[in-house]
Amino acid sequence: MNNITLNLDHPSKKRTEHFLNAVKDELIPIPFVPENWEHRDLILGGFEFIGKHQPLSITVIFADSYHDANEIGRMNAFPMLPHSKWTVNGDVFYLVESSDTDRVNEVTSLFAGKE
């Protein structure tokens, strides 16, 4: 359904595009605002998407390492809530938000490393 290409030079770009393109709802890009994030100095690039037909928001942040990506999640104090989950896969941080708990779990599992 999606044909997302990220405008970024990063070793995890293709893998991340694969994950995003596997999301079953059409994703619409929206502006990523790094100024809203703690440890923005660790952010090499970021992208945000919303679902066209379902309540869904996905934020993807690229870092230099797993440690940096995990630090971004930890320092921004994103709690693990039913409607919001974050995960790190390699050097990429993913935040998934939706009012549909099942949808959050489904999309987050895509980013957990299945290819």
C-alpha atoms as a PDB file:
ATOM      1  CA  MET A   1       0.000   0.000   0.000  1.00  0.00           C
ATOM      2  CA  ASN A   2       2.770   2.438   0.912  1.00  0.00           C
ATOM      3  CA  ASN A   3       5.715   3.365  -1.247  1.00  0.00           C
ATOM      4  CA  ILE A   4       7.731   5.406   1.231  1.00  0.00           C
ATOM      5  CA  THR A   5      11.215   6.598   0.379  1.00  0.00           C
ATOM      6  CA  LEU A   6      13.082   8.487   3.066  1.00  0.00           C
ATOM      7  CA  ASN A   7      15.293  11.404   2.084  1.00  0.00           C
ATOM      8  CA  LEU A   8      18.241  10.532   4.297  1.00  0.00           C
ATOM      9  CA  ASP A   9      21.683   8.972   4.001  1.00  0.00           C
ATOM     10  CA  HIS A  10      21.762   6.409   6.822  1.00  0.00           C
ATOM     11  CA  PRO A  11      22.721   2.707   6.985  1.00  0.00           C
ATOM     12  CA  SER A  12      19.261   1.748   8.343  1.00  0.00           C
ATOM     13  CA  LYS A  13      17.282   3.701   5.747  1.00  0.00           C
ATOM     14  CA  LYS A  14      16.275   0.742   3.522  1.00  0.00           C
ATOM     15  CA  ARG A  15      15.306  -1.455   6.483  1.00  0.00           C
ATOM     16  CA  THR A  16      13.172   1.350   7.923  1.00  0.00           C
ATOM     17  CA  GLU A  17      11.500   1.977   4.556  1.00  0.00           C
ATOM     18  CA  HIS A  18      10.660  -1.737   4.423  1.00  0.00           C
ATOM     19  CA  PHE A  19       9.015  -1.554   7.864  1.00  0.00           C
ATOM     20  CA  LEU A  20       7.033   1.592   7.015  1.00  0.00           C
ATOM     21  CA  ASN A  21       5.891   0.163   3.692  1.00  0.00           C
ATOM     22  CA  ALA A  22       4.586  -2.919   5.547  1.00  0.00           C
ATOM     23  CA  VAL A  23       2.087  -0.818   7.544  1.00  0.00           C
ATOM     24  CA  LYS A  24      -1.406  -1.728   6.346  1.00  0.00           C
ATOM     25  CA  ASP A  25      -2.805   1.807   6.339  1.00  0.00           C
ATOM     26  CA  GLU A  26      -1.764   4.516   3.926  1.00  0.00           C
ATOM     27  CA  LEU A  27       0.760   6.734   5.684  1.00  0.00           C
ATOM     28  CA  ILE A  28       0.854  10.480   5.108  1.00  0.00           C
ATOM     29  CA  PRO A  29       4.089  12.324   5.935  1.00  0.00           C
ATOM     30  CA  ILE A  30       3.848  15.307   8.264  1.00  0.00           C
ATOM     31  CA  PRO A  31       6.654  17.662   9.329  1.00  0.00           C
ATOM     32  CA  PHE A  32       9.085  16.332  11.927  1.00  0.00           C
ATOM     33  CA  VAL A  33      10.040  19.027  14.441  1.00  0.00           C
ATOM     34  CA  PRO A  34      13.329  18.106  16.171  1.00  0.00           C
ATOM     35  CA  GLU A  35      13.073  21.132  18.462  1.00  0.00           C
ATOM     36  CA  ASN A  36      10.299  19.321  20.354  1.00  0.00           C
ATOM     37  CA  TRP A  37      12.691  16.537  21.404  1.00  0.00           C
ATOM     38  CA  GLU A  38      15.154  16.218  24.265  1.00  0.00           C
ATOM     39  CA  HIS A  39      18.622  15.157  23.110  1.00  0.00           C
ATOM     40  CA  ARG A  40      17.953  16.516  19.635  1.00  0.00           C
ATOM     41  CA  ASP A  41      21.747  16.636  19.227  1.00  0.00           C
ATOM     42  CA  LEU A  42      21.578  12.815  18.903  1.00  0.00           C
ATOM     43  CA  ILE A  43      19.035  12.973  16.060  1.00  0.00           C
ATOM     44  CA  LEU A  44      20.527  12.442  12.584  1.00  0.00           C
ATOM     45  CA  GLY A  45      17.125  12.594  10.902  1.00  0.00           C
ATOM     46  CA  GLY A  46      13.479  12.187  11.756  1.00  0.00           C
ATOM     47  CA  PHE A  47      10.184  11.518  10.032  1.00  0.00           C
ATOM     48  CA  GLU A  48       6.559  11.543  11.141  1.00  0.00           C
ATOM     49  CA  PHE A  49       3.549   9.933   9.533  1.00  0.00           C
ATOM     50  CA  ILE A  50      -0.157   9.727  10.243  1.00  0.00           C
ATOM     51  CA  GLY A  51      -2.606   7.111   9.021  1.00  0.00           C
ATOM     52  CA  LYS A  52      -4.941   8.263   6.291  1.00  0.00           C
ATOM     53  CA  HIS A  53      -7.846   6.014   7.300  1.00  0.00           C
ATOM     54  CA  GLN A  54      -7.101   5.052  10.900  1.00  0.00           C
ATOM     55  CA  PRO A  55      -6.058   6.944  14.035  1.00  0.00           C
ATOM     56  CA  LEU A  56      -2.326   6.282  13.838  1.00  0.00           C
ATOM     57  CA  SER A  57       0.849   8.301  14.302  1.00  0.00           C
ATOM     58  CA  ILE A  58       4.377   6.996  13.674  1.00  0.00           C
ATOM     59  CA  THR A  59       7.594   8.841  14.470  1.00  0.00           C
ATOM     60  CA  VAL A  60      10.925   7.482  13.222  1.00  0.00           C
ATOM     61  CA  ILE A  61      14.223   8.924  14.444  1.00  0.00           C
ATOM     62  CA  PHE A  62      17.636   7.911  13.129  1.00  0.00           C
ATOM     63  CA  ALA A  63      20.676   7.981  15.419  1.00  0.00           C
ATOM     64  CA  ASP A  64      24.320   6.892  15.318  1.00  0.00           C
ATOM     65  CA  SER A  65      23.857   3.858  17.557  1.00  0.00           C
ATOM     66  CA  TYR A  66      21.437   1.756  19.546  1.00  0.00           C
ATOM     67  CA  HIS A  67      22.596   3.590  22.670  1.00  0.00           C
ATOM     68  CA  ASP A  68      21.752   7.006  21.166  1.00  0.00           C
ATOM     69  CA  ALA A  69      18.351   5.834  19.863  1.00  0.00           C
ATOM     70  CA  ASN A  70      17.489   4.296  23.231  1.00  0.00           C
ATOM     71  CA  GLU A  71      18.637   7.463  25.015  1.00  0.00           C
ATOM     72  CA  ILE A  72      16.243   9.519  22.873  1.00  0.00           C
ATOM     73  CA  GLY A  73      13.338   7.335  24.016  1.00  0.00           C
ATOM     74  CA  ARG A  74      14.459   7.272  27.634  1.00  0.00           C
ATOM     75  CA  MET A  75      15.148  11.005  27.933  1.00  0.00           C
ATOM     76  CA  ASN A  76      11.857  11.983  26.317  1.00  0.00           C
ATOM     77  CA  ALA A  77      10.129   9.886  28.994  1.00  0.00           C
ATOM     78  CA  PHE A  78       7.719   8.142  26.691  1.00  0.00           C
ATOM     79  CA  PRO A  79       5.791   5.809  28.969  1.00  0.00           C
ATOM     80  CA  MET A  80       4.721   2.414  27.734  1.00  0.00           C
ATOM     81  CA  LEU A  81       0.979   3.018  27.576  1.00  0.00           C
ATOM     82  CA  PRO A  82      -1.702   1.036  25.740  1.00  0.00           C
ATOM     83  CA  HIS A  83      -2.129   3.865  23.226  1.00  0.00           C
ATOM     84  CA  SER A  84       1.581   4.678  22.837  1.00  0.00           C
ATOM     85  CA  LYS A  85       4.656   2.461  22.565  1.00  0.00           C
ATOM     86  CA  TRP A  86       8.214   3.060  21.546  1.00  0.00           C
ATOM     87  CA  THR A  87      10.904   0.662  20.505  1.00  0.00           C
ATOM     88  CA  VAL A  88      14.446   0.738  19.209  1.00  0.00           C
ATOM     89  CA  ASN A  89      15.708  -1.432  16.380  1.00  0.00           C
ATOM     90  CA  GLY A  90      19.424  -0.967  15.898  1.00  0.00           C
ATOM     91  CA  ASP A  91      20.111   2.727  15.535  1.00  0.00           C
ATOM     92  CA  VAL A  92      16.478   3.717  14.862  1.00  0.00           C
ATOM     93  CA  PHE A  93      13.853   4.854  17.395  1.00  0.00           C
ATOM     94  CA  TYR A  94      10.164   4.227  16.614  1.00  0.00           C
ATOM     95  CA  LEU A  95       7.168   5.769  18.406  1.00  0.00           C
ATOM     96  CA  VAL A  96       3.682   4.472  17.557  1.00  0.00           C
ATOM     97  CA  GLU A  97       0.533   6.161  18.865  1.00  0.00           C
ATOM     98  CA  SER A  98      -3.129   5.346  18.313  1.00  0.00           C
ATOM     99  CA  SER A  99      -6.388   5.246  20.252  1.00  0.00           C
ATOM    100  CA  ASP A 100      -6.634   1.615  19.065  1.00  0.00           C
ATOM    101  CA  THR A 101      -4.442  -0.478  21.399  1.00  0.00           C
ATOM    102  CA  ASP A 102      -4.416  -3.453  19.032  1.00  0.00           C
ATOM    103  CA  ARG A 103      -3.210  -1.183  16.230  1.00  0.00           C
ATOM    104  CA  VAL A 104      -0.356   0.108  18.409  1.00  0.00           C
ATOM    105  CA  ASN A 105       0.748  -3.451  19.161  1.00  0.00           C
ATOM    106  CA  GLU A 106       0.424  -4.548  15.530  1.00  0.00           C
ATOM    107  CA  VAL A 107       2.464  -1.671  14.115  1.00  0.00           C
ATOM    108  CA  THR A 108       5.072  -1.744  16.889  1.00  0.00           C
ATOM    109  CA  SER A 109       5.652  -5.432  16.184  1.00  0.00           C
ATOM    110  CA  LEU A 110       6.543  -4.563  12.575  1.00  0.00           C
ATOM    111  CA  PHE A 111       9.408  -2.422  13.853  1.00  0.00           C
ATOM    112  CA  ALA A 112      10.684  -5.116  16.222  1.00  0.00           C
ATOM    113  CA  GLY A 113      12.818  -6.653  13.508  1.00  0.00           C
ATOM    114  CA  LYS A 114      10.636  -8.768  11.214  1.00  0.00           C
ATOM    115  CA  GLU A 115      11.697  -8.484   7.588  1.00  0.00           C
END
